[in-house]
Amino acid sequence: MTDQLELALADRHAGMSANLAAGRKPYRDDSERVEVALELLIRSGAQFTADDVHRVVEFDESGAPYDRNLVSSALGIAAKNGRIVREATRVSSARSRHASRNGVWRRADRATPATPSQRTGN
């Protein structure tokens, strides 16, 4: 059973990395915008959710639309790399989420600022 779980997690993490890679386009790097927003929240040391990451991205300098699905991939890769830990769950404040639950994250005690390769899980 453990082997199946490990294989499933490996596939999940590979999908997250592929999703972030697909968000990098010559004309617009949505992945970079999401990763910068996440890094800001991680460095703050405060608790945050995916909703908070979205708020930071939406209020960055460009104000351009972005692929919202990248946030969960960035959170998953940061958790996999031990940069953040899940502390609880909370009902999402985003109306489009229909009161679904979000993880509440915080910087892991041993976390250090990410290098570009750590952000994408490569």
PDB file of N, CA and C in Angstrom:
ATOM      1  N   MET A   1       0.821  -1.191   0.000  1.00  0.00           N
ATOM      2  CA  MET A   1       0.000   0.000   0.000  1.00  0.00           C
ATOM      3  C   MET A   1       0.866   1.256   0.000  1.00  0.00           C
ATOM      4  N   THR A   2       1.963   1.231   0.762  1.00  0.00           N
ATOM      5  CA  THR A   2       2.854   2.386   0.818  1.00  0.00           C
ATOM      6  C   THR A   2       3.442   2.683  -0.553  1.00  0.00           C
ATOM      7  N   ASP A   3       3.783   1.628  -1.291  1.00  0.00           N
ATOM      8  CA  ASP A   3       4.341   1.835  -2.630  1.00  0.00           C
ATOM      9  C   ASP A   3       3.347   2.536  -3.539  1.00  0.00           C
ATOM     10  N   GLN A   4       2.071   2.165  -3.445  1.00  0.00           N
ATOM     11  CA  GLN A   4       1.046   2.810  -4.267  1.00  0.00           C
ATOM     12  C   GLN A   4       0.901   4.280  -3.895  1.00  0.00           C
ATOM     13  N   LEU A   5       0.955   4.567  -2.604  1.00  0.00           N
ATOM     14  CA  LEU A   5       0.856   5.953  -2.147  1.00  0.00           C
ATOM     15  C   LEU A   5       2.053   6.762  -2.638  1.00  0.00           C
ATOM     16  N   GLU A   6       3.238   6.183  -2.530  1.00  0.00           N
ATOM     17  CA  GLU A   6       4.434   6.874  -3.006  1.00  0.00           C
ATOM     18  C   GLU A   6       4.362   7.142  -4.505  1.00  0.00           C
ATOM     19  N   LEU A   7       3.878   6.175  -5.268  1.00  0.00           N
ATOM     20  CA  LEU A   7       3.736   6.364  -6.713  1.00  0.00           C
ATOM     21  C   LEU A   7       2.700   7.446  -7.020  1.00  0.00           C
ATOM     22  N   ALA A   8       1.591   7.430  -6.287  1.00  0.00           N
ATOM     23  CA  ALA A   8       0.548   8.436  -6.504  1.00  0.00           C
ATOM     24  C   ALA A   8       1.069   9.833  -6.177  1.00  0.00           C
ATOM     25  N   LEU A   9       1.810   9.963  -5.075  1.00  0.00           N
ATOM     26  CA  LEU A   9       2.367  11.259  -4.700  1.00  0.00           C
ATOM     27  C   LEU A   9       3.406  11.722  -5.722  1.00  0.00           C
ATOM     28  N   ALA A  10       4.209  10.794  -6.223  1.00  0.00           N
ATOM     29  CA  ALA A  10       5.199  11.155  -7.245  1.00  0.00           C
ATOM     30  C   ALA A  10       4.497  11.676  -8.498  1.00  0.00           C
ATOM     31  N   ASP A  11       3.414  11.003  -8.907  1.00  0.00           N
ATOM     32  CA  ASP A  11       2.642  11.473 -10.066  1.00  0.00           C
ATOM     33  C   ASP A  11       2.028  12.842  -9.800  1.00  0.00           C
ATOM     34  N   ARG A  12       1.514  13.020  -8.591  1.00  0.00           N
ATOM     35  CA  ARG A  12       0.901  14.308  -8.230  1.00  0.00           C
ATOM     36  C   ARG A  12       1.924  15.428  -8.295  1.00  0.00           C
ATOM     37  N   HIS A  13       3.098  15.190  -7.714  1.00  0.00           N
ATOM     38  CA  HIS A  13       4.141  16.218  -7.710  1.00  0.00           C
ATOM     39  C   HIS A  13       4.658  16.500  -9.121  1.00  0.00           C
ATOM     40  N   ALA A  14       4.742  15.464  -9.939  1.00  0.00           N
ATOM     41  CA  ALA A  14       5.165  15.664 -11.329  1.00  0.00           C
ATOM     42  C   ALA A  14       4.136  16.524 -12.065  1.00  0.00           C
ATOM     43  N   GLY A  15       2.862  16.288 -11.790  1.00  0.00           N
ATOM     44  CA  GLY A  15       1.805  17.093 -12.406  1.00  0.00           C
ATOM     45  C   GLY A  15       1.867  18.542 -11.972  1.00  0.00           C
ATOM     46  N   MET A  16       2.159  18.767 -10.695  1.00  0.00           N
ATOM     47  CA  MET A  16       2.288  20.134 -10.187  1.00  0.00           C
ATOM     48  C   MET A  16       3.446  20.855 -10.868  1.00  0.00           C
ATOM     49  N   SER A  17       4.562  20.167 -10.978  1.00  0.00           N
ATOM     50  CA  SER A  17       5.726  20.764 -11.637  1.00  0.00           C
ATOM     51  C   SER A  17       5.437  21.062 -13.108  1.00  0.00           C
ATOM     52  N   ALA A  18       4.744  20.142 -13.761  1.00  0.00           N
ATOM     53  CA  ALA A  18       4.388  20.353 -15.174  1.00  0.00           C
ATOM     54  C   ALA A  18       3.423  21.532 -15.319  1.00  0.00           C
ATOM     55  N   ASN A  19       2.491  21.659 -14.388  1.00  0.00           N
ATOM     56  CA  ASN A  19       1.544  22.772 -14.426  1.00  0.00           C
ATOM     57  C   ASN A  19       2.279  24.104 -14.281  1.00  0.00           C
ATOM     58  N   LEU A  20       3.219  24.182 -13.340  1.00  0.00           N
ATOM     59  CA  LEU A  20       3.988  25.417 -13.166  1.00  0.00           C
ATOM     60  C   LEU A  20       4.849  25.710 -14.398  1.00  0.00           C
ATOM     61  N   ALA A  21       5.410  24.671 -14.989  1.00  0.00           N
ATOM     62  CA  ALA A  21       6.213  24.873 -16.207  1.00  0.00           C
ATOM     63  C   ALA A  21       5.341  25.399 -17.348  1.00  0.00           C
ATOM     64  N   ALA A  22       4.113  24.908 -17.439  1.00  0.00           N
ATOM     65  CA  ALA A  22       3.210  25.358 -18.504  1.00  0.00           C
ATOM     66  C   ALA A  22       2.768  26.807 -18.301  1.00  0.00           C
ATOM     67  N   GLY A  23       2.855  27.292 -17.069  1.00  0.00           N
ATOM     68  CA  GLY A  23       2.484  28.678 -16.792  1.00  0.00           C
ATOM     69  C   GLY A  23       3.533  29.693 -17.196  1.00  0.00           C
ATOM     70  N   ARG A  24       4.679  29.210 -17.658  1.00  0.00           N
ATOM     71  CA  ARG A  24       5.764  30.097 -18.092  1.00  0.00           C
ATOM     72  C   ARG A  24       5.698  30.261 -19.606  1.00  0.00           C
ATOM     73  N   LYS A  25       5.261  31.417 -20.022  1.00  0.00           N
ATOM     74  CA  LYS A  25       5.142  31.709 -21.455  1.00  0.00           C
ATOM     75  C   LYS A  25       5.995  32.927 -21.772  1.00  0.00           C
ATOM     76  N   PRO A  26       6.489  33.029 -22.989  1.00  0.00           N
ATOM     77  CA  PRO A  26       7.333  34.183 -23.337  1.00  0.00           C
ATOM     78  C   PRO A  26       6.626  35.528 -23.139  1.00  0.00           C
ATOM     79  N   TYR A  27       5.328  35.544 -23.333  1.00  0.00           N
ATOM     80  CA  TYR A  27       4.597  36.807 -23.248  1.00  0.00           C
ATOM     81  C   TYR A  27       3.987  37.067 -21.873  1.00  0.00           C
ATOM     82  N   ARG A  28       3.941  36.031 -20.989  1.00  0.00           N
ATOM     83  CA  ARG A  28       3.358  36.219 -19.663  1.00  0.00           C
ATOM     84  C   ARG A  28       3.753  35.048 -18.777  1.00  0.00           C
ATOM     85  N   ASP A  29       4.422  35.335 -17.668  1.00  0.00           N
ATOM     86  CA  ASP A  29       4.871  34.270 -16.775  1.00  0.00           C
ATOM     87  C   ASP A  29       3.977  34.243 -15.531  1.00  0.00           C
ATOM     88  N   ASP A  30       2.861  33.545 -15.640  1.00  0.00           N
ATOM     89  CA  ASP A  30       1.939  33.431 -14.517  1.00  0.00           C
ATOM     90  C   ASP A  30       2.571  32.691 -13.345  1.00  0.00           C
ATOM     91  N   SER A  31       3.380  31.691 -13.629  1.00  0.00           N
ATOM     92  CA  SER A  31       4.012  30.921 -12.554  1.00  0.00           C
ATOM     93  C   SER A  31       4.894  31.814 -11.693  1.00  0.00           C
ATOM     94  N   GLU A  32       5.655  32.674 -12.325  1.00  0.00           N
ATOM     95  CA  GLU A  32       6.537  33.584 -11.582  1.00  0.00           C
ATOM     96  C   GLU A  32       5.714  34.499 -10.674  1.00  0.00           C
ATOM     97  N   ARG A  33       4.611  35.018 -11.181  1.00  0.00           N
ATOM     98  CA  ARG A  33       3.757  35.899 -10.375  1.00  0.00           C
ATOM     99  C   ARG A  33       3.235  35.161  -9.144  1.00  0.00           C
ATOM    100  N   VAL A  34       2.788  33.924  -9.330  1.00  0.00           N
ATOM    101  CA  VAL A  34       2.260  33.134  -8.220  1.00  0.00           C
ATOM    102  C   VAL A  34       3.376  32.803  -7.236  1.00  0.00           C
ATOM    103  N   GLU A  35       4.541  32.410  -7.726  1.00  0.00           N
ATOM    104  CA  GLU A  35       5.657  32.046  -6.855  1.00  0.00           C
ATOM    105  C   GLU A  35       6.161  33.235  -6.042  1.00  0.00           C
ATOM    106  N   VAL A  36       6.181  34.412  -6.649  1.00  0.00           N
ATOM    107  CA  VAL A  36       6.602  35.620  -5.926  1.00  0.00           C
ATOM    108  C   VAL A  36       5.604  35.937  -4.818  1.00  0.00           C
ATOM    109  N   ALA A  37       4.314  35.829  -5.117  1.00  0.00           N
ATOM    110  CA  ALA A  37       3.284  36.077  -4.103  1.00  0.00           C
ATOM    111  C   ALA A  37       3.402  35.076  -2.966  1.00  0.00           C
ATOM    112  N   LEU A  38       3.596  33.808  -3.297  1.00  0.00           N
ATOM    113  CA  LEU A  38       3.739  32.776  -2.274  1.00  0.00           C
ATOM    114  C   LEU A  38       4.981  33.028  -1.425  1.00  0.00           C
ATOM    115  N   GLU A  39       6.072  33.384  -2.065  1.00  0.00           N
ATOM    116  CA  GLU A  39       7.318  33.664  -1.332  1.00  0.00           C
ATOM    117  C   GLU A  39       7.121  34.810  -0.338  1.00  0.00           C
ATOM    118  N   LEU A  40       6.408  35.840  -0.731  1.00  0.00           N
ATOM    119  CA  LEU A  40       6.118  36.963   0.163  1.00  0.00           C
ATOM    120  C   LEU A  40       5.369  36.482   1.404  1.00  0.00           C
ATOM    121  N   LEU A  41       4.373  35.641   1.197  1.00  0.00           N
ATOM    122  CA  LEU A  41       3.590  35.129   2.327  1.00  0.00           C
ATOM    123  C   LEU A  41       4.413  34.182   3.195  1.00  0.00           C
ATOM    124  N   ILE A  42       5.239  33.357   2.590  1.00  0.00           N
ATOM    125  CA  ILE A  42       6.094  32.451   3.363  1.00  0.00           C
ATOM    126  C   ILE A  42       7.044  33.255   4.246  1.00  0.00           C
ATOM    127  N   ARG A  43       7.680  34.250   3.665  1.00  0.00           N
ATOM    128  CA  ARG A  43       8.642  35.058   4.423  1.00  0.00           C
ATOM    129  C   ARG A  43       8.001  35.824   5.565  1.00  0.00           C
ATOM    130  N   SER A  44       6.710  36.142   5.437  1.00  0.00           N
ATOM    131  CA  SER A  44       6.031  36.886   6.503  1.00  0.00           C
ATOM    132  C   SER A  44       5.960  36.075   7.793  1.00  0.00           C
ATOM    133  N   GLY A  45       5.950  34.761   7.681  1.00  0.00           N
ATOM    134  CA  GLY A  45       5.859  33.914   8.859  1.00  0.00           C
ATOM    135  C   GLY A  45       4.445  33.766   9.396  1.00  0.00           C
ATOM    136  N   ALA A  46       3.502  34.498   8.839  1.00  0.00           N
ATOM    137  CA  ALA A  46       2.113  34.434   9.291  1.00  0.00           C
ATOM    138  C   ALA A  46       1.383  33.288   8.588  1.00  0.00           C
ATOM    139  N   GLN A  47       0.249  32.885   9.142  1.00  0.00           N
ATOM    140  CA  GLN A  47      -0.586  31.893   8.494  1.00  0.00           C
ATOM    141  C   GLN A  47      -1.186  32.490   7.220  1.00  0.00           C
ATOM    142  N   PHE A  48      -1.409  31.635   6.225  1.00  0.00           N
ATOM    143  CA  PHE A  48      -2.039  32.090   4.987  1.00  0.00           C
ATOM    144  C   PHE A  48      -2.756  30.931   4.321  1.00  0.00           C
ATOM    145  N   THR A  49      -3.640  31.257   3.397  1.00  0.00           N
ATOM    146  CA  THR A  49      -4.354  30.258   2.600  1.00  0.00           C
ATOM    147  C   THR A  49      -4.156  30.575   1.119  1.00  0.00           C
ATOM    148  N   ALA A  50      -4.699  29.716   0.277  1.00  0.00           N
ATOM    149  CA  ALA A  50      -4.657  29.966  -1.168  1.00  0.00           C
ATOM    150  C   ALA A  50      -5.364  31.279  -1.495  1.00  0.00           C
ATOM    151  N   ASP A  51      -6.428  31.596  -0.755  1.00  0.00           N
ATOM    152  CA  ASP A  51      -7.125  32.869  -0.984  1.00  0.00           C
ATOM    153  C   ASP A  51      -6.178  34.047  -0.812  1.00  0.00           C
ATOM    154  N   ASP A  52      -5.282  33.965   0.172  1.00  0.00           N
ATOM    155  CA  ASP A  52      -4.317  35.047   0.398  1.00  0.00           C
ATOM    156  C   ASP A  52      -3.335  35.155  -0.758  1.00  0.00           C
ATOM    157  N   VAL A  53      -2.903  34.006  -1.274  1.00  0.00           N
ATOM    158  CA  VAL A  53      -1.987  34.019  -2.427  1.00  0.00           C
ATOM    159  C   VAL A  53      -2.678  34.700  -3.610  1.00  0.00           C
ATOM    160  N   HIS A  54      -3.937  34.347  -3.845  1.00  0.00           N
ATOM    161  CA  HIS A  54      -4.682  34.975  -4.941  1.00  0.00           C
ATOM    162  C   HIS A  54      -4.772  36.487  -4.758  1.00  0.00           C
ATOM    163  N   ARG A  55      -5.034  36.926  -3.527  1.00  0.00           N
ATOM    164  CA  ARG A  55      -5.143  38.379  -3.280  1.00  0.00           C
ATOM    165  C   ARG A  55      -3.831  39.096  -3.614  1.00  0.00           C
ATOM    166  N   VAL A  56      -2.711  38.510  -3.223  1.00  0.00           N
ATOM    167  CA  VAL A  56      -1.417  39.136  -3.502  1.00  0.00           C
ATOM    168  C   VAL A  56      -1.171  39.186  -5.008  1.00  0.00           C
ATOM    169  N   VAL A  57      -1.440  38.091  -5.704  1.00  0.00           N
ATOM    170  CA  VAL A  57      -1.231  38.066  -7.156  1.00  0.00           C
ATOM    171  C   VAL A  57      -2.129  39.094  -7.841  1.00  0.00           C
ATOM    172  N   GLU A  58      -3.374  39.179  -7.411  1.00  0.00           N
ATOM    173  CA  GLU A  58      -4.318  40.097  -8.049  1.00  0.00           C
ATOM    174  C   GLU A  58      -3.938  41.561  -7.851  1.00  0.00           C
ATOM    175  N   PHE A  59      -3.176  41.865  -6.822  1.00  0.00           N
ATOM    176  CA  PHE A  59      -2.805  43.247  -6.554  1.00  0.00           C
ATOM    177  C   PHE A  59      -1.347  43.538  -6.860  1.00  0.00           C
ATOM    178  N   ASP A  60      -0.705  42.665  -7.662  1.00  0.00           N
ATOM    179  CA  ASP A  60       0.675  42.965  -8.042  1.00  0.00           C
ATOM    180  C   ASP A  60       0.674  44.103  -9.059  1.00  0.00           C
ATOM    181  N   GLU A  61       1.815  44.468  -9.512  1.00  0.00           N
ATOM    182  CA  GLU A  61       1.964  45.641 -10.383  1.00  0.00           C
ATOM    183  C   GLU A  61       1.228  45.533 -11.710  1.00  0.00           C
ATOM    184  N   SER A  62       1.158  44.343 -12.269  1.00  0.00           N
ATOM    185  CA  SER A  62       0.578  44.221 -13.607  1.00  0.00           C
ATOM    186  C   SER A  62      -0.950  44.237 -13.595  1.00  0.00           C
ATOM    187  N   GLY A  63      -1.554  43.630 -12.591  1.00  0.00           N
ATOM    188  CA  GLY A  63      -3.003  43.550 -12.548  1.00  0.00           C
ATOM    189  C   GLY A  63      -3.600  42.692 -13.653  1.00  0.00           C
ATOM    190  N   ALA A  64      -2.755  42.006 -14.411  1.00  0.00           N
ATOM    191  CA  ALA A  64      -3.214  41.174 -15.526  1.00  0.00           C
ATOM    192  C   ALA A  64      -3.853  39.887 -15.008  1.00  0.00           C
ATOM    193  N   PRO A  65      -4.734  39.288 -15.808  1.00  0.00           N
ATOM    194  CA  PRO A  65      -5.293  37.999 -15.422  1.00  0.00           C
ATOM    195  C   PRO A  65      -4.186  36.948 -15.345  1.00  0.00           C
ATOM    196  N   TYR A  66      -4.450  35.874 -14.645  1.00  0.00           N
ATOM    197  CA  TYR A  66      -3.461  34.800 -14.505  1.00  0.00           C
ATOM    198  C   TYR A  66      -4.192  33.477 -14.367  1.00  0.00           C
ATOM    199  N   ASP A  67      -3.471  32.386 -14.501  1.00  0.00           N
ATOM    200  CA  ASP A  67      -4.034  31.045 -14.361  1.00  0.00           C
ATOM    201  C   ASP A  67      -4.136  30.728 -12.874  1.00  0.00           C
ATOM    202  N   ARG A  68      -5.334  30.774 -12.335  1.00  0.00           N
ATOM    203  CA  ARG A  68      -5.564  30.569 -10.901  1.00  0.00           C
ATOM    204  C   ARG A  68      -5.209  29.158 -10.446  1.00  0.00           C
ATOM    205  N   ASN A  69      -5.190  28.196 -11.366  1.00  0.00           N
ATOM    206  CA  ASN A  69      -4.859  26.819 -11.005  1.00  0.00           C
ATOM    207  C   ASN A  69      -3.395  26.658 -10.595  1.00  0.00           C
ATOM    208  N   LEU A  70      -2.572  27.637 -10.889  1.00  0.00           N
ATOM    209  CA  LEU A  70      -1.152  27.547 -10.531  1.00  0.00           C
ATOM    210  C   LEU A  70      -0.928  27.666  -9.030  1.00  0.00           C
ATOM    211  N   VAL A  71      -1.846  28.284  -8.318  1.00  0.00           N
ATOM    212  CA  VAL A  71      -1.666  28.495  -6.878  1.00  0.00           C
ATOM    213  C   VAL A  71      -1.587  27.160  -6.138  1.00  0.00           C
ATOM    214  N   SER A  72      -2.488  26.238  -6.445  1.00  0.00           N
ATOM    215  CA  SER A  72      -2.452  24.952  -5.743  1.00  0.00           C
ATOM    216  C   SER A  72      -1.174  24.184  -6.071  1.00  0.00           C
ATOM    217  N   SER A  73      -0.694  24.299  -7.304  1.00  0.00           N
ATOM    218  CA  SER A  73       0.562  23.629  -7.660  1.00  0.00           C
ATOM    219  C   SER A  73       1.734  24.235  -6.902  1.00  0.00           C
ATOM    220  N   ALA A  74       1.778  25.552  -6.804  1.00  0.00           N
ATOM    221  CA  ALA A  74       2.869  26.212  -6.079  1.00  0.00           C
ATOM    222  C   ALA A  74       2.829  25.842  -4.593  1.00  0.00           C
ATOM    223  N   LEU A  75       1.636  25.795  -4.007  1.00  0.00           N
ATOM    224  CA  LEU A  75       1.515  25.396  -2.603  1.00  0.00           C
ATOM    225  C   LEU A  75       1.963  23.948  -2.417  1.00  0.00           C
ATOM    226  N   GLY A  76       1.552  23.071  -3.330  1.00  0.00           N
ATOM    227  CA  GLY A  76       1.936  21.667  -3.232  1.00  0.00           C
ATOM    228  C   GLY A  76       3.431  21.451  -3.321  1.00  0.00           C
ATOM    229  N   ILE A  77       4.078  22.151  -4.226  1.00  0.00           N
ATOM    230  CA  ILE A  77       5.532  22.025  -4.374  1.00  0.00           C
ATOM    231  C   ILE A  77       6.243  22.589  -3.139  1.00  0.00           C
ATOM    232  N   ALA A  78       5.766  23.715  -2.617  1.00  0.00           N
ATOM    233  CA  ALA A  78       6.380  24.292  -1.407  1.00  0.00           C
ATOM    234  C   ALA A  78       6.227  23.341  -0.227  1.00  0.00           C
ATOM    235  N   ALA A  79       5.081  22.683  -0.109  1.00  0.00           N
ATOM    236  CA  ALA A  79       4.872  21.718   0.972  1.00  0.00           C
ATOM    237  C   ALA A  79       5.770  20.499   0.782  1.00  0.00           C
ATOM    238  N   LYS A  80       5.857  20.011  -0.452  1.00  0.00           N
ATOM    239  CA  LYS A  80       6.714  18.855  -0.757  1.00  0.00           C
ATOM    240  C   LYS A  80       8.172  19.140  -0.400  1.00  0.00           C
ATOM    241  N   ASN A  81       8.604  20.356  -0.672  1.00  0.00           N
ATOM    242  CA  ASN A  81       9.992  20.738  -0.388  1.00  0.00           C
ATOM    243  C   ASN A  81      10.226  21.114   1.074  1.00  0.00           C
ATOM    244  N   GLY A  82       9.191  21.016   1.898  1.00  0.00           N
ATOM    245  CA  GLY A  82       9.350  21.293   3.321  1.00  0.00           C
ATOM    246  C   GLY A  82       9.433  22.771   3.662  1.00  0.00           C
ATOM    247  N   ARG A  83       8.996  23.624   2.763  1.00  0.00           N
ATOM    248  CA  ARG A  83       9.072  25.073   3.000  1.00  0.00           C
ATOM    249  C   ARG A  83       7.877  25.568   3.802  1.00  0.00           C
ATOM    250  N   ILE A  84       6.719  24.892   3.656  1.00  0.00           N
ATOM    251  CA  ILE A  84       5.527  25.270   4.395  1.00  0.00           C
ATOM    252  C   ILE A  84       4.904  24.028   5.014  1.00  0.00           C
ATOM    253  N   VAL A  85       4.135  24.233   6.074  1.00  0.00           N
ATOM    254  CA  VAL A  85       3.415  23.140   6.722  1.00  0.00           C
ATOM    255  C   VAL A  85       1.951  23.531   6.847  1.00  0.00           C
ATOM    256  N   ARG A  86       1.103  22.542   6.747  1.00  0.00           N
ATOM    257  CA  ARG A  86      -0.336  22.766   6.882  1.00  0.00           C
ATOM    258  C   ARG A  86      -0.685  22.700   8.358  1.00  0.00           C
ATOM    259  N   GLU A  87      -1.346  23.747   8.839  1.00  0.00           N
ATOM    260  CA  GLU A  87      -1.692  23.809  10.259  1.00  0.00           C
ATOM    261  C   GLU A  87      -3.161  23.514  10.530  1.00  0.00           C
ATOM    262  N   ALA A  88      -4.025  23.777   9.578  1.00  0.00           N
ATOM    263  CA  ALA A  88      -5.463  23.597   9.778  1.00  0.00           C
ATOM    264  C   ALA A  88      -6.159  23.724   8.439  1.00  0.00           C
ATOM    265  N   THR A  89      -7.475  23.754   8.469  1.00  0.00           N
ATOM    266  CA  THR A  89      -8.266  24.079   7.289  1.00  0.00           C
ATOM    267  C   THR A  89      -9.247  25.180   7.672  1.00  0.00           C
ATOM    268  N   ARG A  90      -9.671  25.901   6.660  1.00  0.00           N
ATOM    269  CA  ARG A  90     -10.576  27.036   6.860  1.00  0.00           C
ATOM    270  C   ARG A  90     -11.498  27.123   5.649  1.00  0.00           C
ATOM    271  N   VAL A  91     -12.712  27.578   5.869  1.00  0.00           N
ATOM    272  CA  VAL A  91     -13.647  27.771   4.763  1.00  0.00           C
ATOM    273  C   VAL A  91     -13.132  28.912   3.888  1.00  0.00           C
ATOM    274  N   SER A  92     -13.130  28.672   2.587  1.00  0.00           N
ATOM    275  CA  SER A  92     -12.639  29.677   1.655  1.00  0.00           C
ATOM    276  C   SER A  92     -13.539  30.903   1.654  1.00  0.00           C
ATOM    277  N   SER A  93     -12.911  32.060   1.554  1.00  0.00           N
ATOM    278  CA  SER A  93     -13.670  33.305   1.469  1.00  0.00           C
ATOM    279  C   SER A  93     -14.010  33.668   0.027  1.00  0.00           C
ATOM    280  N   ALA A  94     -13.492  32.906  -0.925  1.00  0.00           N
ATOM    281  CA  ALA A  94     -13.760  33.174  -2.341  1.00  0.00           C
ATOM    282  C   ALA A  94     -15.132  32.634  -2.720  1.00  0.00           C
ATOM    283  N   ARG A  95     -15.965  33.494  -3.194  1.00  0.00           N
ATOM    284  CA  ARG A  95     -17.326  33.107  -3.550  1.00  0.00           C
ATOM    285  C   ARG A  95     -17.343  31.981  -4.581  1.00  0.00           C
ATOM    286  N   SER A  96     -16.417  32.009  -5.507  1.00  0.00           N
ATOM    287  CA  SER A  96     -16.368  30.990  -6.564  1.00  0.00           C
ATOM    288  C   SER A  96     -16.063  29.598  -6.012  1.00  0.00           C
ATOM    289  N   ARG A  97     -15.550  29.519  -4.800  1.00  0.00           N
ATOM    290  CA  ARG A  97     -15.208  28.226  -4.195  1.00  0.00           C
ATOM    291  C   ARG A  97     -16.389  27.603  -3.452  1.00  0.00           C
ATOM    292  N   HIS A  98     -17.488  28.317  -3.339  1.00  0.00           N
ATOM    293  CA  HIS A  98     -18.718  27.797  -2.727  1.00  0.00           C
ATOM    294  C   HIS A  98     -18.462  27.214  -1.335  1.00  0.00           C
ATOM    295  N   ALA A  99     -17.730  27.945  -0.508  1.00  0.00           N
ATOM    296  CA  ALA A  99     -17.451  27.586   0.889  1.00  0.00           C
ATOM    297  C   ALA A  99     -16.669  26.282   1.038  1.00  0.00           C
ATOM    298  N   SER A 100     -15.900  25.906   0.024  1.00  0.00           N
ATOM    299  CA  SER A 100     -15.039  24.726   0.177  1.00  0.00           C
ATOM    300  C   SER A 100     -13.902  25.069   1.137  1.00  0.00           C
ATOM    301  N   ARG A 101     -13.180  24.066   1.552  1.00  0.00           N
ATOM    302  CA  ARG A 101     -12.155  24.263   2.570  1.00  0.00           C
ATOM    303  C   ARG A 101     -10.779  24.485   1.931  1.00  0.00           C
ATOM    304  N   ASN A 102     -10.018  25.380   2.526  1.00  0.00           N
ATOM    305  CA  ASN A 102      -8.640  25.671   2.130  1.00  0.00           C
ATOM    306  C   ASN A 102      -7.715  25.258   3.254  1.00  0.00           C
ATOM    307  N   GLY A 103      -6.528  24.821   2.893  1.00  0.00           N
ATOM    308  CA  GLY A 103      -5.509  24.582   3.895  1.00  0.00           C
ATOM    309  C   GLY A 103      -5.004  25.907   4.450  1.00  0.00           C
ATOM    310  N   VAL A 104      -4.671  25.890   5.732  1.00  0.00           N
ATOM    311  CA  VAL A 104      -4.035  27.046   6.370  1.00  0.00           C
ATOM    312  C   VAL A 104      -2.565  26.679   6.506  1.00  0.00           C
ATOM    313  N   TRP A 105      -1.711  27.468   5.903  1.00  0.00           N
ATOM    314  CA  TRP A 105      -0.283  27.172   5.803  1.00  0.00           C
ATOM    315  C   TRP A 105       0.535  28.171   6.595  1.00  0.00           C
ATOM    316  N   ARG A 106       1.728  27.757   6.966  1.00  0.00           N
ATOM    317  CA  ARG A 106       2.701  28.628   7.605  1.00  0.00           C
ATOM    318  C   ARG A 106       4.096  28.146   7.200  1.00  0.00           C
ATOM    319  N   ARG A 107       5.032  29.084   7.208  1.00  0.00           N
ATOM    320  CA  ARG A 107       6.426  28.746   6.907  1.00  0.00           C
ATOM    321  C   ARG A 107       6.894  27.650   7.857  1.00  0.00           C
ATOM    322  N   ALA A 108       7.573  26.654   7.321  1.00  0.00           N
ATOM    323  CA  ALA A 108       8.160  25.610   8.150  1.00  0.00           C
ATOM    324  C   ALA A 108       9.332  26.198   8.918  1.00  0.00           C
ATOM    325  N   ASP A 109       9.561  25.737  10.117  1.00  0.00           N
ATOM    326  CA  ASP A 109      10.626  26.284  10.961  1.00  0.00           C
ATOM    327  C   ASP A 109      11.985  26.246  10.291  1.00  0.00           C
ATOM    328  N   ARG A 110      12.241  25.216   9.537  1.00  0.00           N
ATOM    329  CA  ARG A 110      13.560  25.073   8.902  1.00  0.00           C
ATOM    330  C   ARG A 110      13.606  25.669   7.511  1.00  0.00           C
ATOM    331  N   ALA A 111      12.536  26.343   7.104  1.00  0.00           N
ATOM    332  CA  ALA A 111      12.461  26.875   5.742  1.00  0.00           C
ATOM    333  C   ALA A 111      13.463  27.998   5.524  1.00  0.00           C
ATOM    334  N   THR A 112      14.000  28.023   4.328  1.00  0.00           N
ATOM    335  CA  THR A 112      14.905  29.096   3.904  1.00  0.00           C
ATOM    336  C   THR A 112      14.371  29.653   2.594  1.00  0.00           C
ATOM    337  N   PRO A 113      14.789  30.841   2.196  1.00  0.00           N
ATOM    338  CA  PRO A 113      14.314  31.391   0.924  1.00  0.00           C
ATOM    339  C   PRO A 113      14.591  30.426  -0.224  1.00  0.00           C
ATOM    340  N   ALA A 114      13.633  30.310  -1.127  1.00  0.00           N
ATOM    341  CA  ALA A 114      13.712  29.353  -2.233  1.00  0.00           C
ATOM    342  C   ALA A 114      14.606  29.840  -3.345  1.00  0.00           C
ATOM    343  N   THR A 115      15.257  28.889  -3.963  1.00  0.00           N
ATOM    344  CA  THR A 115      15.952  29.163  -5.221  1.00  0.00           C
ATOM    345  C   THR A 115      14.944  28.895  -6.327  1.00  0.00           C
ATOM    346  N   PRO A 116      15.152  29.380  -7.531  1.00  0.00           N
ATOM    347  CA  PRO A 116      14.191  29.123  -8.617  1.00  0.00           C
ATOM    348  C   PRO A 116      13.916  27.633  -8.831  1.00  0.00           C
ATOM    349  N   SER A 117      14.929  26.772  -8.715  1.00  0.00           N
ATOM    350  CA  SER A 117      14.690  25.345  -8.932  1.00  0.00           C
ATOM    351  C   SER A 117      13.852  24.737  -7.806  1.00  0.00           C
ATOM    352  N   GLN A 118      13.952  25.251  -6.575  1.00  0.00           N
ATOM    353  CA  GLN A 118      13.119  24.758  -5.486  1.00  0.00           C
ATOM    354  C   GLN A 118      11.668  25.157  -5.692  1.00  0.00           C
ATOM    355  N   ARG A 119      11.434  26.346  -6.236  1.00  0.00           N
ATOM    356  CA  ARG A 119      10.067  26.801  -6.448  1.00  0.00           C
ATOM    357  C   ARG A 119       9.321  25.905  -7.406  1.00  0.00           C
ATOM    358  N   THR A 120      10.005  25.404  -8.424  1.00  0.00           N
ATOM    359  CA  THR A 120       9.323  24.590  -9.432  1.00  0.00           C
ATOM    360  C   THR A 120       9.437  23.107  -9.147  1.00  0.00           C
ATOM    361  N   GLY A 121      10.202  22.728  -8.140  1.00  0.00           N
ATOM    362  CA  GLY A 121      10.330  21.322  -7.800  1.00  0.00           C
ATOM    363  C   GLY A 121      11.272  20.557  -8.681  1.00  0.00           C
ATOM    364  N   ASN A 122      12.092  21.217  -9.463  1.00  0.00           N
ATOM    365  CA  ASN A 122      13.034  20.531 -10.354  1.00  0.00           C
ATOM    366  C   ASN A 122      14.293  20.158  -9.625  1.00  0.00           C
TER     367      ASN A 122
END
